[in-house]
Protein backbone atom coordinates (compact mmCIF):
# COMPACT_ATOMS: atom_id res chain seq x y z
CA UNK A 1 0.00 0.00 0.00
CA UNK A 2 1.42 3.23 -1.03
CA UNK A 3 0.43 6.77 -0.22
CA UNK A 4 -2.00 7.00 -3.12
CA UNK A 5 -3.96 3.99 -1.89
CA UNK A 6 -4.06 5.39 1.65
CA UNK A 7 -5.45 8.68 0.39
CA UNK A 8 -8.13 6.82 -1.55
CA UNK A 9 -9.19 4.90 1.57
CA UNK A 10 -9.47 8.08 3.63
CA UNK A 11 -11.69 9.67 1.01
CA UNK A 12 -14.19 6.83 0.90
CA UNK A 13 -17.57 7.05 2.56
CA UNK A 14 -16.91 4.12 4.83
CA UNK A 15 -13.91 5.80 6.40
CA UNK A 16 -15.88 9.00 6.95
CA UNK A 17 -18.58 7.01 8.72
CA UNK A 18 -16.21 5.55 11.28
CA UNK A 19 -16.69 6.95 14.75
CA UNK A 20 -13.13 7.55 15.91
CA UNK A 21 -14.33 9.22 19.13
CA UNK A 22 -14.62 5.80 20.78
CA UNK A 23 -10.85 5.58 20.78
CA UNK A 24 -10.34 8.38 23.33
CA UNK A 25 -8.16 8.00 26.39
CA UNK A 26 -9.96 5.89 28.95
CA UNK A 27 -8.04 6.82 32.12
CA UNK A 28 -6.53 10.13 33.24
CA UNK A 29 -4.56 10.15 36.49
CA UNK A 30 -6.08 12.31 39.23
CA UNK A 31 -3.04 14.59 39.39
CA UNK A 32 -3.41 15.30 35.68
CA UNK A 33 -7.00 16.50 36.03
CA UNK A 34 -7.38 20.28 35.47
CA UNK A 35 -8.95 20.74 38.90
CA UNK A 36 -6.07 18.98 40.65
CA UNK A 37 -3.51 20.97 38.66
CA UNK A 38 -5.29 24.20 39.60
CA UNK A 39 -5.29 23.24 43.29
CA UNK A 40 -1.59 22.38 43.12
CA UNK A 41 -0.85 25.76 41.54
CA UNK A 42 -2.89 27.54 44.20
CA UNK A 43 -1.18 25.60 46.98
CA UNK A 44 2.22 26.47 45.52
CA UNK A 45 1.33 30.19 45.38
CA UNK A 46 0.13 30.16 48.99
CA UNK A 47 3.27 28.35 50.13
CA UNK A 48 5.54 30.83 48.34
CA UNK A 49 3.55 33.72 49.85
CA UNK A 50 3.92 32.33 53.37
CA UNK A 51 7.66 31.90 52.90
CA UNK A 52 8.02 35.49 51.64
CA UNK A 53 6.01 36.91 54.55
CA UNK A 54 8.03 34.86 57.04
CA UNK A 55 11.34 36.02 55.59
CA UNK A 56 10.26 39.68 55.56
CA UNK A 57 9.12 39.53 59.18
CA UNK A 58 12.33 37.88 60.21
CA UNK A 59 14.40 40.50 58.38
CA UNK A 60 12.28 43.37 59.78
CA UNK A 61 12.58 42.08 63.34
CA UNK A 62 16.34 41.71 63.00
CA UNK A 63 16.66 45.16 61.43
CA UNK A 64 14.51 46.82 64.11
CA UNK A 65 16.47 45.12 66.89
CA UNK A 66 19.75 46.30 65.42
CA UNK A 67 18.52 49.89 64.89
CA UNK A 68 17.04 50.14 68.39
CA UNK A 69 20.24 48.75 69.85
CA UNK A 70 22.27 51.33 67.93
CA UNK A 71 20.11 54.14 69.33
CA UNK A 72 20.50 52.77 72.84
CA UNK A 73 24.26 52.50 72.37
CA UNK A 74 24.36 56.17 71.34
CA UNK A 75 22.27 57.06 74.40
CA UNK A 76 24.51 55.06 76.71
CA UNK A 77 27.70 56.52 75.21
CA UNK A 78 26.37 60.08 75.38
CA UNK A 79 25.51 59.67 79.07
CA UNK A 80 29.01 58.32 79.68
CA UNK A 81 30.54 61.28 77.81
CA UNK A 82 28.40 63.73 79.77
CA UNK A 83 29.47 62.14 83.06
CA UNK A 84 33.12 62.42 81.97
CA UNK A 85 32.55 66.12 81.08
CA UNK A 86 33.27 65.50 77.39
CA UNK A 87 29.77 66.62 76.47
CA UNK A 88 27.91 69.69 77.74
CA UNK A 89 24.33 69.53 78.94
CA UNK A 90 23.13 71.56 75.95
CA UNK A 91 24.80 69.16 73.54
CA UNK A 92 23.27 66.23 75.40
CA UNK A 93 19.78 67.78 75.17
CA UNK A 94 20.22 68.25 71.43
CA UNK A 95 21.40 64.65 71.13
CA UNK A 96 18.41 63.37 73.11
CA UNK A 97 16.05 65.35 70.89
CA UNK A 98 17.73 63.94 67.79
CA UNK A 99 17.58 60.38 69.15
CA UNK A 100 13.88 60.49 69.94
CA UNK A 101 13.07 62.08 66.60
CA UNK A 102 15.09 59.47 64.70
CA UNK A 103 13.36 56.73 66.63
CA UNK A 104 9.96 58.26 65.84
CA UNK A 105 10.93 58.42 62.18
CA UNK A 106 11.95 54.76 62.33
CA UNK A 107 8.68 53.67 63.97
CA UNK A 108 6.27 55.77 61.95
CA UNK A 109 8.17 56.09 58.69
CA UNK A 110 7.56 59.82 58.26
CA UNK A 111 10.74 61.83 57.75
CA UNK A 112 9.03 65.14 58.61
CA UNK A 113 9.30 64.16 62.29
CA UNK A 114 12.97 65.12 62.32
CA UNK A 115 12.28 68.80 61.60
CA UNK A 116 9.38 69.28 64.01
CA UNK A 117 9.39 71.41 67.14
CA UNK A 118 8.86 69.72 70.50
CA UNK A 119 5.16 70.59 70.64
CA UNK A 120 4.59 69.47 67.05
CA UNK A 121 6.36 66.21 67.79
CA UNK A 122 4.22 65.70 70.89
CA UNK A 123 0.95 66.21 69.03
CA UNK A 124 2.23 64.05 66.17
CA UNK A 125 3.07 61.14 68.48
CA UNK A 126 -0.31 61.41 70.20
CA UNK A 127 -1.99 60.77 66.87
CA UNK A 128 -0.15 57.48 66.27
CA UNK A 129 -1.04 54.18 67.89
CA UNK A 130 2.58 53.19 68.52
CA UNK A 131 3.16 56.03 70.98
CA UNK A 132 -0.21 55.95 72.77
CA UNK A 133 1.15 53.69 75.50
CA UNK A 134 3.91 56.20 76.29
CA UNK A 135 1.91 59.41 76.00
CA UNK A 136 2.71 60.44 79.56
CA UNK A 137 6.44 59.84 79.08
CA UNK A 138 6.40 61.89 75.85
CA UNK A 139 4.63 64.78 77.62
CA UNK A 140 7.07 64.61 80.54
CA UNK A 141 10.01 64.55 78.12
CA UNK A 142 8.85 67.63 76.22
CA UNK A 143 8.13 69.55 79.46
CA UNK A 144 11.46 68.55 81.01
CA UNK A 145 13.37 69.46 77.84
CA UNK A 146 11.67 72.86 77.78
CA UNK A 147 12.57 73.45 81.43
CA UNK A 148 16.16 72.38 80.92
CA UNK A 149 16.67 74.28 77.66
CA UNK A 150 15.30 77.57 78.92
CA UNK A 151 16.22 77.53 82.62
CA UNK A 152 19.55 77.99 84.27
CA UNK A 153 19.32 74.67 86.11
CA UNK A 154 19.98 72.73 82.91
CA UNK A 155 23.34 71.38 84.02
CA UNK A 156 22.14 69.54 87.10
CA UNK A 157 22.78 65.83 86.99
CA UNK A 158 19.33 64.77 88.16
CA UNK A 159 17.65 66.60 85.28
CA UNK A 160 19.96 65.10 82.67
CA UNK A 161 19.60 61.56 83.98
CA UNK A 162 15.84 62.01 84.23
CA UNK A 163 15.69 63.06 80.58
CA UNK A 164 17.86 60.14 79.52
CA UNK A 165 15.65 57.78 81.51
CA UNK A 166 12.55 59.16 79.77
CA UNK A 167 14.09 58.67 76.33
CA UNK A 168 15.08 55.14 77.30
CA UNK A 169 11.59 54.33 78.57
CA UNK A 170 9.94 55.63 75.39
CA UNK A 171 12.24 53.54 73.20
CA UNK A 172 11.99 50.48 75.42
CA UNK A 173 8.19 50.47 75.69
CA UNK A 174 7.60 50.95 71.96
CA UNK A 175 10.41 48.84 70.54
CA UNK A 176 8.23 45.81 69.66
CA UNK A 177 10.07 43.44 71.97
CA UNK A 178 13.58 44.48 70.98
CA UNK A 179 14.32 45.18 74.64
CA UNK A 180 13.27 42.68 77.25
CA UNK A 181 12.56 45.07 80.10
CA UNK A 182 12.86 48.68 81.16
CA UNK A 183 15.18 48.79 84.10
CA UNK A 184 17.04 52.09 84.05
CA UNK A 185 19.53 54.26 82.23
CA UNK A 186 22.51 52.38 83.61
CA UNK A 187 21.42 49.22 81.80
CA UNK A 188 21.32 50.89 78.39
CA UNK A 189 23.89 49.97 75.79
CA UNK A 190 25.43 46.92 74.27
CA UNK A 191 27.44 46.16 77.39
CA UNK A 192 24.43 45.48 79.62
CA UNK A 193 21.18 45.41 77.63
CA UNK A 194 20.30 42.37 75.61
CA UNK A 195 18.43 42.89 72.39
């Protein structure tokens, strides 16, 4: 049988009457069904999404712990420098203001916090959920900074340590677990605090 004969057979009426649909595939494995393939694809997407969320949270937690620890190290070192008379009280107040503003920027994500006045910062923090638990400490900090900046008693040690303690408490209470407990200014820094 050559090609010409095969073409003749295919053109006959008998060949056209054959029902070739009976020769379909009789068994399809369950994992090859379109529904099963769709469920596998959906499961894969969900699994990849969970892994991505887990990795981002892990990275964010590590990053926040490191940043908070850096701020606390700066606070600890500045208190040490002030006690050794390497830093004046005015410079320390400016540093404390900068630290709390940078921390607010880190928590809220709004860079305009850095350029705000003390009263603007206070009203700004009151409007954010993160700082609601430390509203009293924020108010005390702003009032104490105003007293120390504009009064002649700004160089007294009790005032400076009180301000440093307030900054530490604000950072410690809002740091999302980066610091285990608030125990005082003398436990701030990489030498004594554990992040």
